[in-house]
Amino acid sequence: MTLSERAKIGFKKKEPKSDPGPQPRLIQRTSDGVIEARDGQGRLLAHFNPKTNETRDPRGDLIGMGNRLPRLLQQAAKAPGSHPGGRQG
């Protein structure tokens, strides 16, 4: 089948899919129940401790009460290379 015949039938040339790379993810430590949010490179974005009901950044500063990790992961997925925990240092 020639290219012109494929075009008439409606075949489309396959575009290579772009690899989005590693995605941000949640990891739960079974030892203490703390849930960590990590970016695609494995860097800690923040962690949530269900016992204290606090979400903290990698330096240990309070981000807020309750589990804020889903929102942080959304921000990390939208803006690769940025650090959604706020401050970088």
C-alpha atoms as a PDB file:
ATOM      1  CA  MET A   1       0.000   0.000   0.000  1.00  0.00           C
ATOM      2  CA  THR A   2       1.487   3.337  -1.004  1.00  0.00           C
ATOM      3  CA  LEU A   3       1.492   6.458   1.095  1.00  0.00           C
ATOM      4  CA  SER A   4      -1.166   8.125  -1.069  1.00  0.00           C
ATOM      5  CA  GLU A   5      -3.438   5.092  -0.710  1.00  0.00           C
ATOM      6  CA  ARG A   6      -2.987   5.200   3.057  1.00  0.00           C
ATOM      7  CA  ALA A   7      -3.923   8.883   3.073  1.00  0.00           C
ATOM      8  CA  LYS A   8      -7.093   8.180   1.123  1.00  0.00           C
ATOM      9  CA  ILE A   9      -8.152   5.472   3.573  1.00  0.00           C
ATOM     10  CA  GLY A  10      -7.486   7.695   6.564  1.00  0.00           C
ATOM     11  CA  PHE A  11      -4.353   6.173   8.023  1.00  0.00           C
ATOM     12  CA  LYS A  12      -2.453   8.711  10.027  1.00  0.00           C
ATOM     13  CA  LYS A  13       1.267   8.747  10.473  1.00  0.00           C
ATOM     14  CA  LYS A  14       2.071   7.647  14.004  1.00  0.00           C
ATOM     15  CA  GLU A  15       3.723  10.342  16.059  1.00  0.00           C
ATOM     16  CA  PRO A  16       6.242   9.184  18.618  1.00  0.00           C
ATOM     17  CA  LYS A  17       4.838   9.592  22.097  1.00  0.00           C
ATOM     18  CA  SER A  18       6.814  11.928  24.271  1.00  0.00           C
ATOM     19  CA  ASP A  19       7.962  10.295  27.478  1.00  0.00           C
ATOM     20  CA  PRO A  20       6.817  12.465  30.386  1.00  0.00           C
ATOM     21  CA  GLY A  21       9.576  10.993  32.528  1.00  0.00           C
ATOM     22  CA  PRO A  22       9.227   9.924  36.131  1.00  0.00           C
ATOM     23  CA  GLN A  23       6.068  11.168  37.791  1.00  0.00           C
ATOM     24  CA  PRO A  24       5.673  12.510  41.331  1.00  0.00           C
ATOM     25  CA  ARG A  25       4.437   9.882  43.742  1.00  0.00           C
ATOM     26  CA  LEU A  26       3.370   9.073  47.291  1.00  0.00           C
ATOM     27  CA  ILE A  27       5.254   6.575  49.434  1.00  0.00           C
ATOM     28  CA  GLN A  28       3.991   5.291  52.779  1.00  0.00           C
ATOM     29  CA  ARG A  29       6.543   4.174  55.307  1.00  0.00           C
ATOM     30  CA  THR A  30       5.124   1.138  57.042  1.00  0.00           C
ATOM     31  CA  SER A  31       7.316   1.572  60.099  1.00  0.00           C
ATOM     32  CA  ASP A  32       5.654   4.764  61.335  1.00  0.00           C
ATOM     33  CA  GLY A  33       2.781   5.395  58.885  1.00  0.00           C
ATOM     34  CA  VAL A  34       4.264   8.649  57.582  1.00  0.00           C
ATOM     35  CA  ILE A  35       3.400   9.341  53.929  1.00  0.00           C
ATOM     36  CA  GLU A  36       6.046  10.993  51.760  1.00  0.00           C
ATOM     37  CA  ALA A  37       5.526  12.914  48.535  1.00  0.00           C
ATOM     38  CA  ARG A  38       8.488  12.633  46.176  1.00  0.00           C
ATOM     39  CA  ASP A  39       9.122  14.246  42.818  1.00  0.00           C
ATOM     40  CA  GLY A  40      10.129  12.396  39.670  1.00  0.00           C
ATOM     41  CA  GLN A  41      13.797  12.446  40.655  1.00  0.00           C
ATOM     42  CA  GLY A  42      13.036  10.960  44.062  1.00  0.00           C
ATOM     43  CA  ARG A  43      13.552  14.184  46.028  1.00  0.00           C
ATOM     44  CA  LEU A  44      11.356  14.620  49.088  1.00  0.00           C
ATOM     45  CA  LEU A  45       8.716  17.316  48.547  1.00  0.00           C
ATOM     46  CA  ALA A  46       6.925  16.963  51.871  1.00  0.00           C
ATOM     47  CA  HIS A  47       5.670  14.399  54.350  1.00  0.00           C
ATOM     48  CA  PHE A  48       2.414  13.885  56.224  1.00  0.00           C
ATOM     49  CA  ASN A  49       2.286  12.365  59.693  1.00  0.00           C
ATOM     50  CA  PRO A  50      -1.214  11.017  60.407  1.00  0.00           C
ATOM     51  CA  LYS A  51      -0.501  10.824  64.146  1.00  0.00           C
ATOM     52  CA  THR A  52       0.056  14.583  64.414  1.00  0.00           C
ATOM     53  CA  ASN A  53      -2.142  15.435  61.378  1.00  0.00           C
ATOM     54  CA  GLU A  54       0.614  17.720  60.011  1.00  0.00           C
ATOM     55  CA  THR A  55       2.200  18.141  56.592  1.00  0.00           C
ATOM     56  CA  ARG A  56       5.804  19.335  56.676  1.00  0.00           C
ATOM     57  CA  ASP A  57       8.369  20.294  54.035  1.00  0.00           C
ATOM     58  CA  PRO A  58      11.779  18.563  53.732  1.00  0.00           C
ATOM     59  CA  ARG A  59      13.305  20.970  56.277  1.00  0.00           C
ATOM     60  CA  GLY A  60      10.619  20.117  58.823  1.00  0.00           C
ATOM     61  CA  ASP A  61       8.749  23.416  58.555  1.00  0.00           C
ATOM     62  CA  LEU A  62       4.974  23.162  58.916  1.00  0.00           C
ATOM     63  CA  ILE A  63       3.097  23.515  55.619  1.00  0.00           C
ATOM     64  CA  GLY A  64      -0.319  23.039  57.200  1.00  0.00           C
ATOM     65  CA  MET A  65      -2.631  20.870  59.211  1.00  0.00           C
ATOM     66  CA  GLY A  66      -4.111  17.847  57.475  1.00  0.00           C
ATOM     67  CA  ASN A  67      -2.837  15.939  54.473  1.00  0.00           C
ATOM     68  CA  ARG A  68      -1.669  18.506  51.894  1.00  0.00           C
ATOM     69  CA  LEU A  69       0.318  15.985  49.835  1.00  0.00           C
ATOM     70  CA  PRO A  70      -2.195  15.474  46.985  1.00  0.00           C
ATOM     71  CA  ARG A  71      -2.162  19.207  46.232  1.00  0.00           C
ATOM     72  CA  LEU A  72       1.630  19.325  46.362  1.00  0.00           C
ATOM     73  CA  LEU A  73       1.837  16.431  43.908  1.00  0.00           C
ATOM     74  CA  GLN A  74      -0.566  18.201  41.535  1.00  0.00           C
ATOM     75  CA  GLN A  75       1.654  21.284  41.627  1.00  0.00           C
ATOM     76  CA  ALA A  76       4.778  19.194  41.060  1.00  0.00           C
ATOM     77  CA  ALA A  77       3.220  17.462  38.052  1.00  0.00           C
ATOM     78  CA  LYS A  78       2.170  20.781  36.477  1.00  0.00           C
ATOM     79  CA  ALA A  79       5.480  22.593  36.993  1.00  0.00           C
ATOM     80  CA  PRO A  80       8.417  20.229  36.571  1.00  0.00           C
ATOM     81  CA  GLY A  81      11.632  21.580  38.031  1.00  0.00           C
ATOM     82  CA  SER A  82       9.886  23.716  40.628  1.00  0.00           C
ATOM     83  CA  HIS A  83       9.621  22.845  44.278  1.00  0.00           C
ATOM     84  CA  PRO A  84       5.971  23.035  45.407  1.00  0.00           C
ATOM     85  CA  GLY A  85       6.896  22.971  49.091  1.00  0.00           C
ATOM     86  CA  GLY A  86       7.487  26.673  48.917  1.00  0.00           C
ATOM     87  CA  ARG A  87      11.023  27.573  49.837  1.00  0.00           C
ATOM     88  CA  GLN A  88      14.100  26.076  48.269  1.00  0.00           C
ATOM     89  CA  GLY A  89      17.361  26.040  50.076  1.00  0.00           C
END
